[in-house]
Amino acid sequence: VQLVESGGGLVQAGGSLRLSCVASGSTFSILAMGWYRQAAEKERELVAYISISSSGGTYYTDSVKGRFTISRDSAMNTMYLQMNNLEPNDTAVYYCKARATRMDYWGQGTQVTVSS
């Protein structure tokens, strides 16, 4: 499975960005997908994830609830993260992760910078 993120950039506080993650390869083996982020000198943390099952269950870390929305387009093998009302603390490299039947896969990351 290969994952490619896009959509990062520089935005002012209160602004919005939409991240995309396109999966290719053995996508049939993917069980769930998620977004992680890693700020400078901090550990990588889970932001949100979505199940690939028909239920499409989602999870959000507390700091982004009500501001971020994770979604997927199964036909295009694409996952999105709509980020609204961005805050400077959201500044980080955002990574896409796919949990598959045998292993996990990571994208290369996309930088999100929120200025105050």
PDB file of N, CA and C in Angstrom:
ATOM      1  N   VAL A   1       0.849  -1.183   0.000  1.00  0.00           N
ATOM      2  CA  VAL A   1       0.000   0.000   0.000  1.00  0.00           C
ATOM      3  C   VAL A   1       0.891   1.242   0.000  1.00  0.00           C
ATOM      4  N   GLN A   2       0.580   2.158  -0.879  1.00  0.00           N
ATOM      5  CA  GLN A   2       1.285   3.440  -0.929  1.00  0.00           C
ATOM      6  C   GLN A   2       0.296   4.546  -0.591  1.00  0.00           C
ATOM      7  N   LEU A   3       0.770   5.506   0.198  1.00  0.00           N
ATOM      8  CA  LEU A   3      -0.070   6.611   0.643  1.00  0.00           C
ATOM      9  C   LEU A   3       0.599   7.924   0.272  1.00  0.00           C
ATOM     10  N   VAL A   4      -0.166   8.834  -0.312  1.00  0.00           N
ATOM     11  CA  VAL A   4       0.366  10.135  -0.688  1.00  0.00           C
ATOM     12  C   VAL A   4      -0.554  11.219  -0.148  1.00  0.00           C
ATOM     13  N   GLU A   5      -0.005  12.074   0.717  1.00  0.00           N
ATOM     14  CA  GLU A   5      -0.777  13.171   1.288  1.00  0.00           C
ATOM     15  C   GLU A   5      -0.581  14.442   0.467  1.00  0.00           C
ATOM     16  N   SER A   6      -1.562  15.321   0.561  1.00  0.00           N
ATOM     17  CA  SER A   6      -1.470  16.649  -0.042  1.00  0.00           C
ATOM     18  C   SER A   6      -2.421  17.576   0.689  1.00  0.00           C
ATOM     19  N   GLY A   7      -2.265  18.875   0.425  1.00  0.00           N
ATOM     20  CA  GLY A   7      -3.201  19.839   0.979  1.00  0.00           C
ATOM     21  C   GLY A   7      -2.668  20.686   2.110  1.00  0.00           C
ATOM     22  N   GLY A   8      -1.459  20.411   2.571  1.00  0.00           N
ATOM     23  CA  GLY A   8      -0.904  21.226   3.636  1.00  0.00           C
ATOM     24  C   GLY A   8      -0.535  22.611   3.131  1.00  0.00           C
ATOM     25  N   GLY A   9      -0.163  23.458   4.066  1.00  0.00           N
ATOM     26  CA  GLY A   9       0.231  24.810   3.680  1.00  0.00           C
ATOM     27  C   GLY A   9       0.257  25.733   4.867  1.00  0.00           C
ATOM     28  N   LEU A  10       0.351  27.022   4.563  1.00  0.00           N
ATOM     29  CA  LEU A  10       0.380  28.069   5.579  1.00  0.00           C
ATOM     30  C   LEU A  10      -0.971  28.768   5.608  1.00  0.00           C
ATOM     31  N   VAL A  11      -1.535  28.901   6.802  1.00  0.00           N
ATOM     32  CA  VAL A  11      -2.846  29.527   6.945  1.00  0.00           C
ATOM     33  C   VAL A  11      -2.863  30.334   8.239  1.00  0.00           C
ATOM     34  N   GLN A  12      -3.664  31.370   8.271  1.00  0.00           N
ATOM     35  CA  GLN A  12      -3.790  32.162   9.488  1.00  0.00           C
ATOM     36  C   GLN A  12      -4.732  31.468  10.473  1.00  0.00           C
ATOM     37  N   ALA A  13      -4.555  31.773  11.739  1.00  0.00           N
ATOM     38  CA  ALA A  13      -5.441  31.230  12.762  1.00  0.00           C
ATOM     39  C   ALA A  13      -6.897  31.554  12.402  1.00  0.00           C
ATOM     40  N   GLY A  14      -7.748  30.554  12.585  1.00  0.00           N
ATOM     41  CA  GLY A  14      -9.152  30.694  12.213  1.00  0.00           C
ATOM     42  C   GLY A  14      -9.459  30.226  10.810  1.00  0.00           C
ATOM     43  N   GLY A  15      -8.430  29.970  10.037  1.00  0.00           N
ATOM     44  CA  GLY A  15      -8.615  29.536   8.662  1.00  0.00           C
ATOM     45  C   GLY A  15      -8.863  28.040   8.551  1.00  0.00           C
ATOM     46  N   SER A  16      -8.951  27.571   7.311  1.00  0.00           N
ATOM     47  CA  SER A  16      -9.265  26.167   7.037  1.00  0.00           C
ATOM     48  C   SER A  16      -8.299  25.578   6.011  1.00  0.00           C
ATOM     49  N   LEU A  17      -8.112  24.289   6.114  1.00  0.00           N
ATOM     50  CA  LEU A  17      -7.375  23.511   5.121  1.00  0.00           C
ATOM     51  C   LEU A  17      -8.047  22.149   4.996  1.00  0.00           C
ATOM     52  N   ARG A  18      -7.908  21.536   3.836  1.00  0.00           N
ATOM     53  CA  ARG A  18      -8.367  20.167   3.663  1.00  0.00           C
ATOM     54  C   ARG A  18      -7.202  19.316   3.200  1.00  0.00           C
ATOM     55  N   LEU A  19      -6.862  18.316   3.983  1.00  0.00           N
ATOM     56  CA  LEU A  19      -5.816  17.376   3.626  1.00  0.00           C
ATOM     57  C   LEU A  19      -6.433  16.186   2.898  1.00  0.00           C
ATOM     58  N   SER A  20      -5.676  15.650   1.953  1.00  0.00           N
ATOM     59  CA  SER A  20      -6.097  14.456   1.224  1.00  0.00           C
ATOM     60  C   SER A  20      -5.026  13.395   1.340  1.00  0.00           C
ATOM     61  N   CYS A  21      -5.454  12.141   1.334  1.00  0.00           N
ATOM     62  CA  CYS A  21      -4.534  11.009   1.342  1.00  0.00           C
ATOM     63  C   CYS A  21      -5.053   9.996   0.340  1.00  0.00           C
ATOM     64  N   VAL A  22      -4.275   9.769  -0.708  1.00  0.00           N
ATOM     65  CA  VAL A  22      -4.666   8.821  -1.742  1.00  0.00           C
ATOM     66  C   VAL A  22      -3.913   7.519  -1.526  1.00  0.00           C
ATOM     67  N   ALA A  23      -4.656   6.434  -1.455  1.00  0.00           N
ATOM     68  CA  ALA A  23      -4.070   5.110  -1.264  1.00  0.00           C
ATOM     69  C   ALA A  23      -4.039   4.369  -2.590  1.00  0.00           C
ATOM     70  N   SER A  24      -2.962   3.623  -2.812  1.00  0.00           N
ATOM     71  CA  SER A  24      -2.851   2.796  -4.007  1.00  0.00           C
ATOM     72  C   SER A  24      -2.194   1.480  -3.627  1.00  0.00           C
ATOM     73  N   GLY A  25      -2.226   0.548  -4.551  1.00  0.00           N
ATOM     74  CA  GLY A  25      -1.663  -0.763  -4.274  1.00  0.00           C
ATOM     75  C   GLY A  25      -2.730  -1.702  -3.721  1.00  0.00           C
ATOM     76  N   SER A  26      -2.376  -2.477  -2.706  1.00  0.00           N
ATOM     77  CA  SER A  26      -3.282  -3.477  -2.136  1.00  0.00           C
ATOM     78  C   SER A  26      -4.289  -2.841  -1.175  1.00  0.00           C
ATOM     79  N   THR A  27      -5.090  -1.957  -1.689  1.00  0.00           N
ATOM     80  CA  THR A  27      -6.018  -1.218  -0.835  1.00  0.00           C
ATOM     81  C   THR A  27      -7.096  -2.109  -0.237  1.00  0.00           C
ATOM     82  N   PHE A  28      -7.314  -3.281  -0.830  1.00  0.00           N
ATOM     83  CA  PHE A  28      -8.328  -4.194  -0.306  1.00  0.00           C
ATOM     84  C   PHE A  28      -7.971  -4.696   1.093  1.00  0.00           C
ATOM     85  N   SER A  29      -6.695  -4.591   1.451  1.00  0.00           N
ATOM     86  CA  SER A  29      -6.248  -5.094   2.747  1.00  0.00           C
ATOM     87  C   SER A  29      -6.377  -4.060   3.873  1.00  0.00           C
ATOM     88  N   ILE A  30      -6.781  -2.850   3.526  1.00  0.00           N
ATOM     89  CA  ILE A  30      -6.868  -1.783   4.527  1.00  0.00           C
ATOM     90  C   ILE A  30      -8.101  -1.956   5.403  1.00  0.00           C
ATOM     91  N   LEU A  31      -7.902  -1.871   6.714  1.00  0.00           N
ATOM     92  CA  LEU A  31      -8.984  -2.008   7.679  1.00  0.00           C
ATOM     93  C   LEU A  31      -9.433  -0.656   8.235  1.00  0.00           C
ATOM     94  N   ALA A  32      -8.508   0.239   8.381  1.00  0.00           N
ATOM     95  CA  ALA A  32      -8.824   1.562   8.912  1.00  0.00           C
ATOM     96  C   ALA A  32      -7.752   2.526   8.436  1.00  0.00           C
ATOM     97  N   MET A  33      -8.104   3.807   8.421  1.00  0.00           N
ATOM     98  CA  MET A  33      -7.148   4.840   8.033  1.00  0.00           C
ATOM     99  C   MET A  33      -7.232   5.983   9.032  1.00  0.00           C
ATOM    100  N   GLY A  34      -6.126   6.664   9.182  1.00  0.00           N
ATOM    101  CA  GLY A  34      -6.134   7.748  10.154  1.00  0.00           C
ATOM    102  C   GLY A  34      -5.135   8.826   9.812  1.00  0.00           C
ATOM    103  N   TRP A  35      -5.281   9.930  10.530  1.00  0.00           N
ATOM    104  CA  TRP A  35      -4.356  11.056  10.431  1.00  0.00           C
ATOM    105  C   TRP A  35      -3.622  11.208  11.759  1.00  0.00           C
ATOM    106  N   TYR A  36      -2.331  11.346  11.660  1.00  0.00           N
ATOM    107  CA  TYR A  36      -1.478  11.629  12.805  1.00  0.00           C
ATOM    108  C   TYR A  36      -0.768  12.952  12.541  1.00  0.00           C
ATOM    109  N   ARG A  37      -0.233  13.536  13.587  1.00  0.00           N
ATOM    110  CA  ARG A  37       0.563  14.745  13.406  1.00  0.00           C
ATOM    111  C   ARG A  37       1.732  14.743  14.380  1.00  0.00           C
ATOM    112  N   GLN A  38       2.787  15.427  13.957  1.00  0.00           N
ATOM    113  CA  GLN A  38       3.974  15.539  14.795  1.00  0.00           C
ATOM    114  C   GLN A  38       4.481  16.969  14.730  1.00  0.00           C
ATOM    115  N   ALA A  39       4.382  17.643  15.850  1.00  0.00           N
ATOM    116  CA  ALA A  39       4.919  18.993  15.961  1.00  0.00           C
ATOM    117  C   ALA A  39       6.399  18.916  16.314  1.00  0.00           C
ATOM    118  N   ALA A  40       7.080  20.028  16.117  1.00  0.00           N
ATOM    119  CA  ALA A  40       8.516  20.074  16.390  1.00  0.00           C
ATOM    120  C   ALA A  40       8.805  19.686  17.843  1.00  0.00           C
ATOM    121  N   GLU A  41       9.728  18.776  18.011  1.00  0.00           N
ATOM    122  CA  GLU A  41      10.184  18.328  19.325  1.00  0.00           C
ATOM    123  C   GLU A  41       9.085  17.667  20.152  1.00  0.00           C
ATOM    124  N   LYS A  42       8.078  17.155  19.486  1.00  0.00           N
ATOM    125  CA  LYS A  42       7.014  16.438  20.176  1.00  0.00           C
ATOM    126  C   LYS A  42       6.823  15.072  19.535  1.00  0.00           C
ATOM    127  N   GLU A  43       6.163  14.199  20.266  1.00  0.00           N
ATOM    128  CA  GLU A  43       5.900  12.876  19.730  1.00  0.00           C
ATOM    129  C   GLU A  43       4.728  12.914  18.752  1.00  0.00           C
ATOM    130  N   ARG A  44       4.715  11.965  17.858  1.00  0.00           N
ATOM    131  CA  ARG A  44       3.614  11.857  16.907  1.00  0.00           C
ATOM    132  C   ARG A  44       2.347  11.452  17.662  1.00  0.00           C
ATOM    133  N   GLU A  45       1.234  12.103  17.318  1.00  0.00           N
ATOM    134  CA  GLU A  45      -0.023  11.818  18.002  1.00  0.00           C
ATOM    135  C   GLU A  45      -1.136  11.548  16.997  1.00  0.00           C
ATOM    136  N   LEU A  46      -2.080  10.740  17.438  1.00  0.00           N
ATOM    137  CA  LEU A  46      -3.254  10.446  16.624  1.00  0.00           C
ATOM    138  C   LEU A  46      -4.191  11.643  16.637  1.00  0.00           C
ATOM    139  N   VAL A  47      -4.642  12.032  15.466  1.00  0.00           N
ATOM    140  CA  VAL A  47      -5.595  13.136  15.339  1.00  0.00           C
ATOM    141  C   VAL A  47      -7.005  12.592  15.137  1.00  0.00           C
ATOM    142  N   ALA A  48      -7.151  11.687  14.173  1.00  0.00           N
ATOM    143  CA  ALA A  48      -8.465  11.131  13.870  1.00  0.00           C
ATOM    144  C   ALA A  48      -8.280   9.858  13.064  1.00  0.00           C
ATOM    145  N   TYR A  49      -9.262   8.964  13.160  1.00  0.00           N
ATOM    146  CA  TYR A  49      -9.229   7.811  12.260  1.00  0.00           C
ATOM    147  C   TYR A  49     -10.646   7.418  11.878  1.00  0.00           C
ATOM    148  N   ILE A  50     -10.725   6.632  10.810  1.00  0.00           N
ATOM    149  CA  ILE A  50     -12.016   6.211  10.286  1.00  0.00           C
ATOM    150  C   ILE A  50     -11.923   4.751   9.888  1.00  0.00           C
ATOM    151  N   SER A  51     -12.959   4.002  10.226  1.00  0.00           N
ATOM    152  CA  SER A  51     -13.022   2.595   9.848  1.00  0.00           C
ATOM    153  C   SER A  51     -13.398   2.473   8.381  1.00  0.00           C
ATOM    154  N   ILE A  52     -12.843   1.450   7.749  1.00  0.00           N
ATOM    155  CA  ILE A  52     -13.175   1.213   6.349  1.00  0.00           C
ATOM    156  C   ILE A  52     -14.406   0.325   6.229  1.00  0.00           C
ATOM    157  N   SER A  53     -14.891  -0.188   7.338  1.00  0.00           N
ATOM    158  CA  SER A  53     -16.090  -1.021   7.304  1.00  0.00           C
ATOM    159  C   SER A  53     -17.297  -0.163   6.927  1.00  0.00           C
ATOM    160  N   SER A  54     -18.408  -0.822   6.707  1.00  0.00           N
ATOM    161  CA  SER A  54     -19.616  -0.112   6.292  1.00  0.00           C
ATOM    162  C   SER A  54     -20.086   0.884   7.349  1.00  0.00           C
ATOM    163  N   SER A  55     -19.731   0.643   8.597  1.00  0.00           N
ATOM    164  CA  SER A  55     -20.143   1.569   9.661  1.00  0.00           C
ATOM    165  C   SER A  55     -19.422   2.897   9.552  1.00  0.00           C
ATOM    166  N   GLY A  56     -18.207   2.870   9.030  1.00  0.00           N
ATOM    167  CA  GLY A  56     -17.448   4.104   8.885  1.00  0.00           C
ATOM    168  C   GLY A  56     -17.241   4.842  10.190  1.00  0.00           C
ATOM    169  N   GLY A  57     -17.118   4.093  11.296  1.00  0.00           N
ATOM    170  CA  GLY A  57     -16.936   4.722  12.596  1.00  0.00           C
ATOM    171  C   GLY A  57     -15.716   5.614  12.628  1.00  0.00           C
ATOM    172  N   THR A  58     -15.809   6.701  13.396  1.00  0.00           N
ATOM    173  CA  THR A  58     -14.717   7.666  13.466  1.00  0.00           C
ATOM    174  C   THR A  58     -14.300   7.918  14.905  1.00  0.00           C
ATOM    175  N   TYR A  59     -13.093   8.459  15.040  1.00  0.00           N
ATOM    176  CA  TYR A  59     -12.563   8.851  16.343  1.00  0.00           C
ATOM    177  C   TYR A  59     -11.801  10.140  16.157  1.00  0.00           C
ATOM    178  N   TYR A  60     -11.915  11.036  17.139  1.00  0.00           N
ATOM    179  CA  TYR A  60     -11.154  12.287  17.127  1.00  0.00           C
ATOM    180  C   TYR A  60     -10.494  12.488  18.478  1.00  0.00           C
ATOM    181  N   THR A  61      -9.277  12.984  18.463  1.00  0.00           N
ATOM    182  CA  THR A  61      -8.668  13.383  19.710  1.00  0.00           C
ATOM    183  C   THR A  61      -9.383  14.629  20.227  1.00  0.00           C
ATOM    184  N   ASP A  62      -9.397  14.802  21.538  1.00  0.00           N
ATOM    185  CA  ASP A  62     -10.217  15.857  22.128  1.00  0.00           C
ATOM    186  C   ASP A  62      -9.909  17.249  21.577  1.00  0.00           C
ATOM    187  N   SER A  63      -8.658  17.524  21.299  1.00  0.00           N
ATOM    188  CA  SER A  63      -8.264  18.878  20.920  1.00  0.00           C
ATOM    189  C   SER A  63      -8.796  19.309  19.549  1.00  0.00           C
ATOM    190  N   VAL A  64      -9.283  18.367  18.743  1.00  0.00           N
ATOM    191  CA  VAL A  64      -9.767  18.729  17.407  1.00  0.00           C
ATOM    192  C   VAL A  64     -11.264  18.499  17.243  1.00  0.00           C
ATOM    193  N   LYS A  65     -11.903  17.952  18.263  1.00  0.00           N
ATOM    194  CA  LYS A  65     -13.345  17.686  18.155  1.00  0.00           C
ATOM    195  C   LYS A  65     -14.104  18.985  17.883  1.00  0.00           C
ATOM    196  N   GLY A  66     -15.023  18.918  16.938  1.00  0.00           N
ATOM    197  CA  GLY A  66     -15.800  20.091  16.574  1.00  0.00           C
ATOM    198  C   GLY A  66     -15.124  20.987  15.554  1.00  0.00           C
ATOM    199  N   ARG A  67     -13.859  20.755  15.281  1.00  0.00           N
ATOM    200  CA  ARG A  67     -13.123  21.574  14.312  1.00  0.00           C
ATOM    201  C   ARG A  67     -12.676  20.766  13.099  1.00  0.00           C
ATOM    202  N   PHE A  68     -12.304  19.515  13.298  1.00  0.00           N
ATOM    203  CA  PHE A  68     -11.809  18.666  12.216  1.00  0.00           C
ATOM    204  C   PHE A  68     -12.859  17.612  11.877  1.00  0.00           C
ATOM    205  N   THR A  69     -12.897  17.236  10.609  1.00  0.00           N
ATOM    206  CA  THR A  69     -13.783  16.173  10.150  1.00  0.00           C
ATOM    207  C   THR A  69     -13.019  15.231   9.238  1.00  0.00           C
ATOM    208  N   ILE A  70     -13.038  13.959   9.582  1.00  0.00           N
ATOM    209  CA  ILE A  70     -12.386  12.946   8.753  1.00  0.00           C
ATOM    210  C   ILE A  70     -13.450  12.279   7.884  1.00  0.00           C
ATOM    211  N   SER A  71     -13.097  11.999   6.647  1.00  0.00           N
ATOM    212  CA  SER A  71     -14.046  11.344   5.743  1.00  0.00           C
ATOM    213  C   SER A  71     -13.263  10.555   4.706  1.00  0.00           C
ATOM    214  N   ARG A  72     -13.981   9.761   3.932  1.00  0.00           N
ATOM    215  CA  ARG A  72     -13.310   8.978   2.899  1.00  0.00           C
ATOM    216  C   ARG A  72     -14.196   8.824   1.683  1.00  0.00           C
ATOM    217  N   ASP A  73     -13.558   8.675   0.556  1.00  0.00           N
ATOM    218  CA  ASP A  73     -14.237   8.387  -0.703  1.00  0.00           C
ATOM    219  C   ASP A  73     -13.725   7.026  -1.145  1.00  0.00           C
ATOM    220  N   SER A  74     -14.494   5.989  -0.865  1.00  0.00           N
ATOM    221  CA  SER A  74     -14.008   4.636  -1.136  1.00  0.00           C
ATOM    222  C   SER A  74     -13.769   4.401  -2.622  1.00  0.00           C
ATOM    223  N   ALA A  75     -14.569   5.028  -3.455  1.00  0.00           N
ATOM    224  CA  ALA A  75     -14.414   4.829  -4.902  1.00  0.00           C
ATOM    225  C   ALA A  75     -13.081   5.358  -5.400  1.00  0.00           C
ATOM    226  N   MET A  76     -12.575   6.383  -4.742  1.00  0.00           N
ATOM    227  CA  MET A  76     -11.318   6.998  -5.169  1.00  0.00           C
ATOM    228  C   MET A  76     -10.165   6.637  -4.250  1.00  0.00           C
ATOM    229  N   ASN A  77     -10.433   5.737  -3.286  1.00  0.00           N
ATOM    230  CA  ASN A  77      -9.395   5.342  -2.324  1.00  0.00           C
ATOM    231  C   ASN A  77      -8.736   6.554  -1.690  1.00  0.00           C
ATOM    232  N   THR A  78      -9.547   7.502  -1.316  1.00  0.00           N
ATOM    233  CA  THR A  78      -9.024   8.752  -0.772  1.00  0.00           C
ATOM    234  C   THR A  78      -9.650   9.050   0.585  1.00  0.00           C
ATOM    235  N   MET A  79      -8.819   9.519   1.487  1.00  0.00           N
ATOM    236  CA  MET A  79      -9.271   9.951   2.809  1.00  0.00           C
ATOM    237  C   MET A  79      -8.994  11.441   2.936  1.00  0.00           C
ATOM    238  N   TYR A  80      -9.885  12.126   3.626  1.00  0.00           N
ATOM    239  CA  TYR A  80      -9.753  13.564   3.791  1.00  0.00           C
ATOM    240  C   TYR A  80      -9.730  13.947   5.271  1.00  0.00           C
ATOM    241  N   LEU A  81      -9.156  15.093   5.526  1.00  0.00           N
ATOM    242  CA  LEU A  81      -9.253  15.710   6.846  1.00  0.00           C
ATOM    243  C   LEU A  81      -9.571  17.183   6.628  1.00  0.00           C
ATOM    244  N   GLN A  82     -10.814  17.540   6.888  1.00  0.00           N
ATOM    245  CA  GLN A  82     -11.223  18.933   6.802  1.00  0.00           C
ATOM    246  C   GLN A  82     -10.909  19.599   8.131  1.00  0.00           C
ATOM    247  N   MET A  83     -10.083  20.612   8.095  1.00  0.00           N
ATOM    248  CA  MET A  83      -9.641  21.293   9.315  1.00  0.00           C
ATOM    249  C   MET A  83     -10.141  22.728   9.289  1.00  0.00           C
ATOM    250  N   ASN A  84     -11.035  23.036  10.216  1.00  0.00           N
ATOM    251  CA  ASN A  84     -11.597  24.380  10.322  1.00  0.00           C
ATOM    252  C   ASN A  84     -11.152  25.039  11.621  1.00  0.00           C
ATOM    253  N   ASN A  85     -11.266  26.350  11.647  1.00  0.00           N
ATOM    254  CA  ASN A  85     -10.910  27.114  12.845  1.00  0.00           C
ATOM    255  C   ASN A  85      -9.532  26.692  13.374  1.00  0.00           C
ATOM    256  N   LEU A  86      -8.578  26.683  12.481  1.00  0.00           N
ATOM    257  CA  LEU A  86      -7.233  26.228  12.839  1.00  0.00           C
ATOM    258  C   LEU A  86      -6.591  27.152  13.870  1.00  0.00           C
ATOM    259  N   GLU A  87      -5.789  26.528  14.721  1.00  0.00           N
ATOM    260  CA  GLU A  87      -5.094  27.241  15.789  1.00  0.00           C
ATOM    261  C   GLU A  87      -3.585  27.050  15.624  1.00  0.00           C
ATOM    262  N   PRO A  88      -2.789  27.959  16.160  1.00  0.00           N
ATOM    263  CA  PRO A  88      -1.327  27.793  16.056  1.00  0.00           C
ATOM    264  C   PRO A  88      -0.845  26.442  16.599  1.00  0.00           C
ATOM    265  N   ASN A  89      -1.536  25.911  17.611  1.00  0.00           N
ATOM    266  CA  ASN A  89      -1.141  24.614  18.163  1.00  0.00           C
ATOM    267  C   ASN A  89      -1.378  23.456  17.197  1.00  0.00           C
ATOM    268  N   ASP A  90      -2.073  23.706  16.116  1.00  0.00           N
ATOM    269  CA  ASP A  90      -2.290  22.674  15.103  1.00  0.00           C
ATOM    270  C   ASP A  90      -1.092  22.555  14.158  1.00  0.00           C
ATOM    271  N   THR A  91      -0.140  23.458  14.272  1.00  0.00           N
ATOM    272  CA  THR A  91       1.036  23.419  13.413  1.00  0.00           C
ATOM    273  C   THR A  91       1.808  22.119  13.629  1.00  0.00           C
ATOM    274  N   ALA A  92       2.029  21.386  12.543  1.00  0.00           N
ATOM    275  CA  ALA A  92       2.703  20.092  12.624  1.00  0.00           C
ATOM    276  C   ALA A  92       2.846  19.520  11.220  1.00  0.00           C
ATOM    277  N   VAL A  93       3.590  18.433  11.135  1.00  0.00           N
ATOM    278  CA  VAL A  93       3.565  17.621   9.924  1.00  0.00           C
ATOM    279  C   VAL A  93       2.460  16.586  10.123  1.00  0.00           C
ATOM    280  N   TYR A  94       1.560  16.521   9.165  1.00  0.00           N
ATOM    281  CA  TYR A  94       0.430  15.607   9.239  1.00  0.00           C
ATOM    282  C   TYR A  94       0.706  14.386   8.367  1.00  0.00           C
ATOM    283  N   TYR A  95       0.506  13.223   8.967  1.00  0.00           N
ATOM    284  CA  TYR A  95       0.777  11.956   8.289  1.00  0.00           C
ATOM    285  C   TYR A  95      -0.499  11.142   8.138  1.00  0.00           C
ATOM    286  N   CYS A  96      -0.605  10.488   7.018  1.00  0.00           N
ATOM    287  CA  CYS A  96      -1.674   9.546   6.762  1.00  0.00           C
ATOM    288  C   CYS A  96      -1.172   8.151   7.118  1.00  0.00           C
ATOM    289  N   LYS A  97      -2.020   7.356   7.762  1.00  0.00           N
ATOM    290  CA  LYS A  97      -1.649   5.994   8.126  1.00  0.00           C
ATOM    291  C   LYS A  97      -2.771   5.041   7.737  1.00  0.00           C
ATOM    292  N   ALA A  98      -2.395   3.900   7.198  1.00  0.00           N
ATOM    293  CA  ALA A  98      -3.361   2.863   6.875  1.00  0.00           C
ATOM    294  C   ALA A  98      -3.030   1.609   7.682  1.00  0.00           C
ATOM    295  N   ARG A  99      -4.029   1.108   8.386  1.00  0.00           N
ATOM    296  CA  ARG A  99      -3.862  -0.157   9.091  1.00  0.00           C
ATOM    297  C   ARG A  99      -4.387  -1.255   8.173  1.00  0.00           C
ATOM    298  N   ALA A 100      -3.499  -2.170   7.805  1.00  0.00           N
ATOM    299  CA  ALA A 100      -3.887  -3.261   6.904  1.00  0.00           C
ATOM    300  C   ALA A 100      -3.836  -4.580   7.672  1.00  0.00           C
ATOM    301  N   THR A 101      -4.162  -5.638   6.985  1.00  0.00           N
ATOM    302  CA  THR A 101      -4.260  -6.938   7.649  1.00  0.00           C
ATOM    303  C   THR A 101      -2.922  -7.433   8.180  1.00  0.00           C
ATOM    304  N   ARG A 102      -1.840  -7.072   7.515  1.00  0.00           N
ATOM    305  CA  ARG A 102      -0.530  -7.583   7.925  1.00  0.00           C
ATOM    306  C   ARG A 102       0.368  -6.532   8.556  1.00  0.00           C
ATOM    307  N   MET A 103       0.177  -5.264   8.201  1.00  0.00           N
ATOM    308  CA  MET A 103       1.063  -4.230   8.713  1.00  0.00           C
ATOM    309  C   MET A 103       0.432  -2.862   8.526  1.00  0.00           C
ATOM    310  N   ASP A 104       1.104  -1.864   9.083  1.00  0.00           N
ATOM    311  CA  ASP A 104       0.666  -0.486   8.930  1.00  0.00           C
ATOM    312  C   ASP A 104       1.530   0.210   7.885  1.00  0.00           C
ATOM    313  N   TYR A 105       0.927   1.183   7.214  1.00  0.00           N
ATOM    314  CA  TYR A 105       1.623   1.953   6.188  1.00  0.00           C
ATOM    315  C   TYR A 105       1.493   3.440   6.500  1.00  0.00           C
ATOM    316  N   TRP A 106       2.544   4.192   6.150  1.00  0.00           N
ATOM    317  CA  TRP A 106       2.573   5.627   6.405  1.00  0.00           C
ATOM    318  C   TRP A 106       2.842   6.402   5.119  1.00  0.00           C
ATOM    319  N   GLY A 107       2.258   7.583   5.041  1.00  0.00           N
ATOM    320  CA  GLY A 107       2.610   8.496   3.969  1.00  0.00           C
ATOM    321  C   GLY A 107       3.831   9.302   4.352  1.00  0.00           C
ATOM    322  N   GLN A 108       4.233  10.194   3.458  1.00  0.00           N
ATOM    323  CA  GLN A 108       5.466  10.958   3.668  1.00  0.00           C
ATOM    324  C   GLN A 108       5.238  12.195   4.513  1.00  0.00           C
ATOM    325  N   GLY A 109       3.993  12.590   4.705  1.00  0.00           N
ATOM    326  CA  GLY A 109       3.668  13.745   5.534  1.00  0.00           C
ATOM    327  C   GLY A 109       3.479  15.017   4.731  1.00  0.00           C
ATOM    328  N   THR A 110       2.663  15.911   5.269  1.00  0.00           N
ATOM    329  CA  THR A 110       2.456  17.221   4.669  1.00  0.00           C
ATOM    330  C   THR A 110       2.452  18.261   5.784  1.00  0.00           C
ATOM    331  N   GLN A 111       3.156  19.357   5.560  1.00  0.00           N
ATOM    332  CA  GLN A 111       3.326  20.372   6.595  1.00  0.00           C
ATOM    333  C   GLN A 111       2.108  21.292   6.666  1.00  0.00           C
ATOM    334  N   VAL A 112       1.626  21.493   7.873  1.00  0.00           N
ATOM    335  CA  VAL A 112       0.571  22.468   8.137  1.00  0.00           C
ATOM    336  C   VAL A 112       1.132  23.492   9.123  1.00  0.00           C
ATOM    337  N   THR A 113       1.093  24.744   8.721  1.00  0.00           N
ATOM    338  CA  THR A 113       1.584  25.812   9.568  1.00  0.00           C
ATOM    339  C   THR A 113       0.475  26.845   9.768  1.00  0.00           C
ATOM    340  N   VAL A 114       0.153  27.112  11.025  1.00  0.00           N
ATOM    341  CA  VAL A 114      -0.907  28.063  11.359  1.00  0.00           C
ATOM    342  C   VAL A 114      -0.270  29.254  12.065  1.00  0.00           C
ATOM    343  N   SER A 115      -0.399  30.411  11.453  1.00  0.00           N
ATOM    344  CA  SER A 115       0.187  31.624  12.031  1.00  0.00           C
ATOM    345  C   SER A 115      -0.843  32.340  12.904  1.00  0.00           C
ATOM    346  N   SER A 116      -0.349  32.989  13.942  1.00  0.00           N
ATOM    347  CA  SER A 116      -1.251  33.698  14.869  1.00  0.00           C
ATOM    348  C   SER A 116      -1.502  35.127  14.420  1.00  0.00           C
TER     349      SER A 116
END
